[in-house]
Amino acid sequence: MPESPPSTESLILLLTRHQEALFRYIFSLVPVEADARDILQETSVALFRKFDQYDTTRPFLPWAYRFAYLQVQKHREKSARSPLLFSEDVIDLIAHERTHIEPQLDERLRLLDGCLAKLTPKDKELVTSRYALRQNAEEMMQRFDMSRRTLFRNLEMLRQRLHECVTRQLQTEGLA
């Protein structure tokens, strides 16, 4: 008995589960976050249109990456008048390498979450404000009552501590 085509509900579940990884992939190929978010939406539409062709016996994410890559290429063609930061060859290389290192990147993110949990509440709030909430320096200087120099020195120190924590965890788990 032939397998029925995947349902729209299946696509929604897969997109929801893999949205962050798909966005990270796109953002690694496109330097502007807003463009990457637009491309993610276009990729989702393209996936919806072709989802009846998806082979459910194969992993979803590599299949979705191919669509994202094509959407990045379309975006580059539309933006041809804008100066490109990367040549076509570099984009191809980044896309190819990204798919190979995805498991290591996911592992680093997992370890980063653990390292963030070890920070003091104030330090965690500082990191979250800057990198998750994307607050600008002026807002943060006012909110945390810090000079620009102190703010950036603290952020640099926290980035270094988090990097060292992740590196130690990788070594401890034998992944480095």
Protein backbone atom coordinates (compact mmCIF):
# COMPACT_ATOMS: atom_id res chain seq x y z
CA MET A 1 0.00 0.00 0.00
CA PRO A 2 1.59 3.35 -1.01
CA GLU A 3 2.29 5.86 1.70
CA SER A 4 -0.02 8.90 1.69
CA PRO A 5 1.56 12.30 1.02
CA PRO A 6 2.61 14.25 4.10
CA SER A 7 -0.03 16.54 5.55
CA THR A 8 0.04 20.28 6.13
CA GLU A 9 0.00 19.54 9.85
CA SER A 10 3.18 17.49 9.40
CA LEU A 11 4.84 20.42 7.65
CA ILE A 12 3.85 22.82 10.41
CA LEU A 13 5.27 20.47 13.05
CA LEU A 14 8.51 20.04 11.11
CA LEU A 15 8.90 23.77 10.45
CA THR A 16 8.22 24.57 14.09
CA ARG A 17 10.77 22.00 15.28
CA HIS A 18 13.46 23.12 12.82
CA GLN A 19 12.76 26.85 12.45
CA GLU A 20 15.72 28.01 14.54
CA ALA A 21 18.20 25.77 12.72
CA LEU A 22 16.80 26.84 9.36
CA PHE A 23 17.05 30.51 10.34
CA ARG A 24 20.65 30.05 11.53
CA TYR A 25 21.51 28.41 8.22
CA ILE A 26 19.98 31.28 6.22
CA PHE A 27 21.53 33.94 8.45
CA SER A 28 24.96 32.36 7.93
CA LEU A 29 24.52 33.05 4.20
CA VAL A 30 22.90 36.51 4.39
CA PRO A 31 24.49 39.32 6.41
CA VAL A 32 21.28 41.22 7.29
CA GLU A 33 18.95 39.70 9.88
CA ALA A 34 15.81 41.24 8.39
CA ASP A 35 16.69 39.74 5.00
CA ALA A 36 17.30 36.36 6.63
CA ARG A 37 13.87 36.51 8.29
CA ASP A 38 12.23 37.40 4.95
CA ILE A 39 14.06 34.51 3.27
CA LEU A 40 12.90 32.17 6.04
CA GLN A 41 9.30 33.13 5.26
CA GLU A 42 9.85 32.65 1.53
CA THR A 43 11.45 29.29 2.25
CA SER A 44 8.45 28.24 4.34
CA VAL A 45 6.11 29.11 1.45
CA ALA A 46 8.28 27.18 -1.00
CA LEU A 47 8.33 24.18 1.35
CA PHE A 48 4.54 24.33 1.62
CA ARG A 49 4.17 24.37 -2.16
CA LYS A 50 6.45 21.34 -2.63
CA PHE A 51 5.68 19.43 0.56
CA ASP A 52 3.74 16.76 -1.32
CA GLN A 53 7.09 15.77 -2.87
CA TYR A 54 8.82 15.36 0.51
CA ASP A 55 10.00 11.82 1.20
CA THR A 56 9.12 11.23 4.86
CA THR A 57 11.72 8.46 5.11
CA ARG A 58 14.48 11.06 4.74
CA PRO A 59 15.55 13.80 7.17
CA PHE A 60 13.60 17.03 6.81
CA LEU A 61 16.32 19.58 7.58
CA PRO A 62 18.70 18.79 4.67
CA TRP A 63 15.69 18.90 2.34
CA ALA A 64 14.63 22.27 3.77
CA TYR A 65 18.21 23.60 3.51
CA ARG A 66 18.10 23.08 -0.26
CA PHE A 67 14.98 25.25 -0.47
CA ALA A 68 16.56 27.87 1.78
CA TYR A 69 19.67 27.91 -0.37
CA LEU A 70 17.57 28.50 -3.49
CA GLN A 71 15.70 31.31 -1.73
CA VAL A 72 19.04 32.89 -0.73
CA GLN A 73 20.09 32.73 -4.39
CA LYS A 74 16.82 34.40 -5.48
CA HIS A 75 17.34 37.10 -2.86
CA ARG A 76 20.86 37.72 -4.15
CA GLU A 77 19.56 38.07 -7.70
CA LYS A 78 16.89 40.57 -6.56
CA SER A 79 19.51 42.50 -4.59
CA ALA A 80 22.03 42.51 -7.45
CA ARG A 81 22.21 46.30 -7.40
CA SER A 82 23.36 46.25 -3.78
CA PRO A 83 27.02 45.53 -3.13
CA LEU A 84 27.46 41.84 -2.33
CA LEU A 85 29.64 40.94 0.60
CA PHE A 86 30.32 37.40 -0.61
CA SER A 87 30.91 36.00 -4.06
CA GLU A 88 28.79 33.13 -5.37
CA ASP A 89 31.64 30.68 -4.68
CA VAL A 90 31.92 31.79 -1.07
CA ILE A 91 28.16 31.43 -0.53
CA ASP A 92 28.32 27.90 -1.98
CA LEU A 93 31.24 27.02 0.27
CA ILE A 94 29.55 28.41 3.40
CA ALA A 95 26.31 26.56 2.61
CA HIS A 96 28.17 23.30 2.04
CA GLU A 97 30.30 23.61 5.18
CA ARG A 98 27.33 24.69 7.30
CA THR A 99 25.47 21.45 6.65
CA HIS A 100 28.52 19.45 7.76
CA ILE A 101 29.10 21.34 11.00
CA GLU A 102 25.44 21.64 12.06
CA PRO A 103 25.73 18.93 14.76
CA GLN A 104 28.74 20.67 16.34
CA LEU A 105 26.94 24.02 16.29
CA ASP A 106 23.90 22.47 17.96
CA GLU A 107 26.14 20.95 20.63
CA ARG A 108 27.78 24.32 21.28
CA LEU A 109 24.36 25.94 21.66
CA ARG A 110 23.34 23.26 24.15
CA LEU A 111 26.51 23.85 26.15
CA LEU A 112 26.08 27.62 25.93
CA ASP A 113 22.66 27.31 27.58
CA GLY A 114 24.30 25.49 30.49
CA CYS A 115 27.02 28.13 30.74
CA LEU A 116 24.47 30.95 30.68
CA ALA A 117 22.66 29.28 33.59
CA LYS A 118 25.87 29.58 35.65
CA LEU A 119 26.00 33.38 35.32
CA THR A 120 24.73 35.68 38.02
CA PRO A 121 21.23 37.02 37.34
CA LYS A 122 22.61 40.48 36.53
CA ASP A 123 25.24 39.10 34.12
CA LYS A 124 22.66 36.87 32.45
CA GLU A 125 20.32 39.85 32.08
CA LEU A 126 23.15 41.87 30.52
CA VAL A 127 23.93 39.14 27.95
CA THR A 128 20.25 38.53 27.22
CA SER A 129 19.53 42.22 26.75
CA ARG A 130 22.32 42.65 24.24
CA TYR A 131 22.21 39.41 22.27
CA ALA A 132 18.70 37.96 22.63
CA LEU A 133 16.71 41.18 22.90
CA ARG A 134 19.17 43.13 20.72
CA GLN A 135 18.99 46.27 22.85
CA ASN A 136 21.24 49.05 21.70
CA ALA A 137 24.07 50.38 23.85
CA GLU A 138 22.29 53.60 24.84
CA GLU A 139 19.29 51.73 26.23
CA MET A 140 21.55 49.33 28.10
CA MET A 141 23.75 52.09 29.51
CA GLN A 142 20.67 53.74 30.97
CA ARG A 143 19.04 50.51 32.15
CA PHE A 144 22.15 49.16 33.88
CA ASP A 145 23.51 52.56 34.92
CA MET A 146 26.87 52.02 33.20
CA SER A 147 29.15 54.07 31.05
CA ARG A 148 29.66 52.91 27.46
CA ARG A 149 33.16 51.78 28.29
CA THR A 150 32.05 49.76 31.32
CA LEU A 151 29.17 48.21 29.40
CA PHE A 152 31.36 47.01 26.54
CA ARG A 153 34.11 45.88 28.89
CA ASN A 154 31.57 43.82 30.87
CA LEU A 155 30.08 42.34 27.70
CA GLU A 156 33.53 41.41 26.40
CA MET A 157 34.41 39.79 29.74
CA LEU A 158 31.13 37.82 29.71
CA ARG A 159 31.66 36.68 26.10
CA GLN A 160 35.13 35.48 27.07
CA ARG A 161 33.81 33.63 30.16
CA LEU A 162 31.07 31.97 28.10
CA HIS A 163 33.54 30.97 25.39
CA GLU A 164 35.87 29.46 27.97
CA CYS A 165 32.98 27.65 29.66
CA VAL A 166 31.79 26.12 26.37
CA THR A 167 35.36 25.15 25.43
CA ARG A 168 35.89 23.49 28.85
CA GLN A 169 32.60 21.59 28.51
CA LEU A 170 33.57 20.40 25.02
CA GLN A 171 36.88 19.14 26.40
CA THR A 172 35.21 17.52 29.41
CA GLU A 173 32.76 15.69 27.16
CA GLY A 174 35.55 14.73 24.76
CA LEU A 175 34.06 16.70 21.88
CA ALA A 176 36.90 19.18 21.36
